[in-house]
């Protein structure tokens, strides 16, 4: 087996820690999105808006951390916002 430098072994350890951390963050994000969709489906306007704000913040945070792409976060926020806006009563 070829010799490996100490720095390359350290990078392997760092990458593994980051991979696990990103998996956890991505899983929590998916759970948050699922919770938002369920709340919107139930139809409570105030609850849906509150959960949407929390989900939007979580998406922005995940994008800033590099867990998901920033445009993917924007797309998901836009689609959730569209669902929330359908719950609002029509203006007269």
Protein backbone atom coordinates (compact mmCIF):
# COMPACT_ATOMS: atom_id res chain seq x y z
CA UNK A 1 0.00 0.00 0.00
CA UNK A 2 1.23 3.45 -0.85
CA UNK A 3 2.36 5.81 1.88
CA UNK A 4 -0.13 8.50 2.74
CA UNK A 5 0.83 11.89 4.02
CA UNK A 6 -0.43 13.05 7.39
CA UNK A 7 -2.21 15.98 5.81
CA UNK A 8 -4.13 13.73 3.41
CA UNK A 9 -5.22 11.52 6.31
CA UNK A 10 -6.37 14.60 8.18
CA UNK A 11 -8.39 15.72 5.14
CA UNK A 12 -10.06 12.31 5.02
CA UNK A 13 -11.07 12.67 8.68
CA UNK A 14 -12.33 16.24 8.13
CA UNK A 15 -14.32 15.26 5.06
CA UNK A 16 -15.98 12.40 6.90
CA UNK A 17 -16.99 14.68 9.81
CA UNK A 18 -18.39 17.25 7.39
CA UNK A 19 -20.26 14.60 5.41
CA UNK A 20 -21.99 13.35 8.55
CA UNK A 21 -22.77 16.90 9.71
CA UNK A 22 -24.25 17.79 6.33
CA UNK A 23 -26.35 14.60 6.33
CA UNK A 24 -27.82 15.59 9.70
CA UNK A 25 -28.51 19.14 8.55
CA UNK A 26 -30.09 17.97 5.29
CA UNK A 27 -32.30 15.50 7.16
CA UNK A 28 -33.45 18.17 9.63
CA UNK A 29 -34.16 20.51 6.72
CA UNK A 30 -36.28 17.91 4.95
CA UNK A 31 -38.22 17.32 8.17
CA UNK A 32 -38.84 21.06 8.51
CA UNK A 33 -40.08 21.28 4.90
CA UNK A 34 -42.36 18.27 5.46
CA UNK A 35 -43.75 19.91 8.61
CA UNK A 36 -44.43 23.12 6.67
CA UNK A 37 -46.25 21.24 3.90
CA UNK A 38 -48.38 19.36 6.44
CA UNK A 39 -49.27 22.57 8.26
CA UNK A 40 -50.21 24.28 4.99
CA UNK A 41 -52.33 21.28 3.98
CA UNK A 42 -54.29 21.56 7.25
CA UNK A 43 -55.25 25.09 6.24
CA UNK A 44 -54.43 27.21 9.30
CA UNK A 45 -53.35 30.55 7.84
CA UNK A 46 -51.56 31.92 10.91
CA UNK A 47 -49.86 28.62 11.71
CA UNK A 48 -48.84 28.18 8.07
CA UNK A 49 -47.27 31.64 7.93
CA UNK A 50 -45.37 31.06 11.16
CA UNK A 51 -44.03 27.68 10.00
CA UNK A 52 -43.19 29.14 6.59
CA UNK A 53 -41.03 31.85 8.19
CA UNK A 54 -39.16 29.24 10.23
CA UNK A 55 -38.70 27.02 7.18
CA UNK A 56 -37.48 29.91 5.02
CA UNK A 57 -34.91 30.79 7.67
CA UNK A 58 -33.78 27.15 7.87
CA UNK A 59 -33.42 27.01 4.08
CA UNK A 60 -31.35 30.20 4.04
CA UNK A 61 -29.15 28.89 6.82
CA UNK A 62 -28.60 25.58 5.02
CA UNK A 63 -27.72 27.42 1.82
CA UNK A 64 -25.25 29.63 3.67
CA UNK A 65 -23.61 26.56 5.19
CA UNK A 66 -23.33 24.94 1.76
CA UNK A 67 -25.63 22.03 2.60
CA UNK A 68 -27.85 22.85 -0.39
CA UNK A 69 -27.36 25.21 -3.32
CA UNK A 70 -28.65 28.74 -2.80
CA UNK A 71 -30.88 28.55 -5.87
CA UNK A 72 -32.36 25.27 -4.64
CA UNK A 73 -33.19 27.00 -1.35
CA UNK A 74 -34.75 29.89 -3.23
CA UNK A 75 -36.82 27.54 -5.38
CA UNK A 76 -38.11 25.64 -2.34
CA UNK A 77 -39.00 28.89 -0.54
CA UNK A 78 -40.84 30.14 -3.60
CA UNK A 79 -42.90 26.96 -3.91
CA UNK A 80 -43.79 26.99 -0.22
CA UNK A 81 -44.72 30.69 -0.40
CA UNK A 82 -47.01 29.96 -3.33
CA UNK A 83 -48.82 27.33 -1.23
CA UNK A 84 -49.10 29.67 1.76
CA UNK A 85 -50.50 32.46 -0.40
CA UNK A 86 -53.29 30.24 -1.67
CA UNK A 87 -54.58 30.00 1.92
CA UNK A 88 -55.01 33.75 2.29
CA UNK A 89 -58.55 35.03 1.69
CA UNK A 90 -59.07 36.94 -1.56
CA UNK A 91 -59.09 40.74 -1.24
CA UNK A 92 -62.24 42.63 -2.08
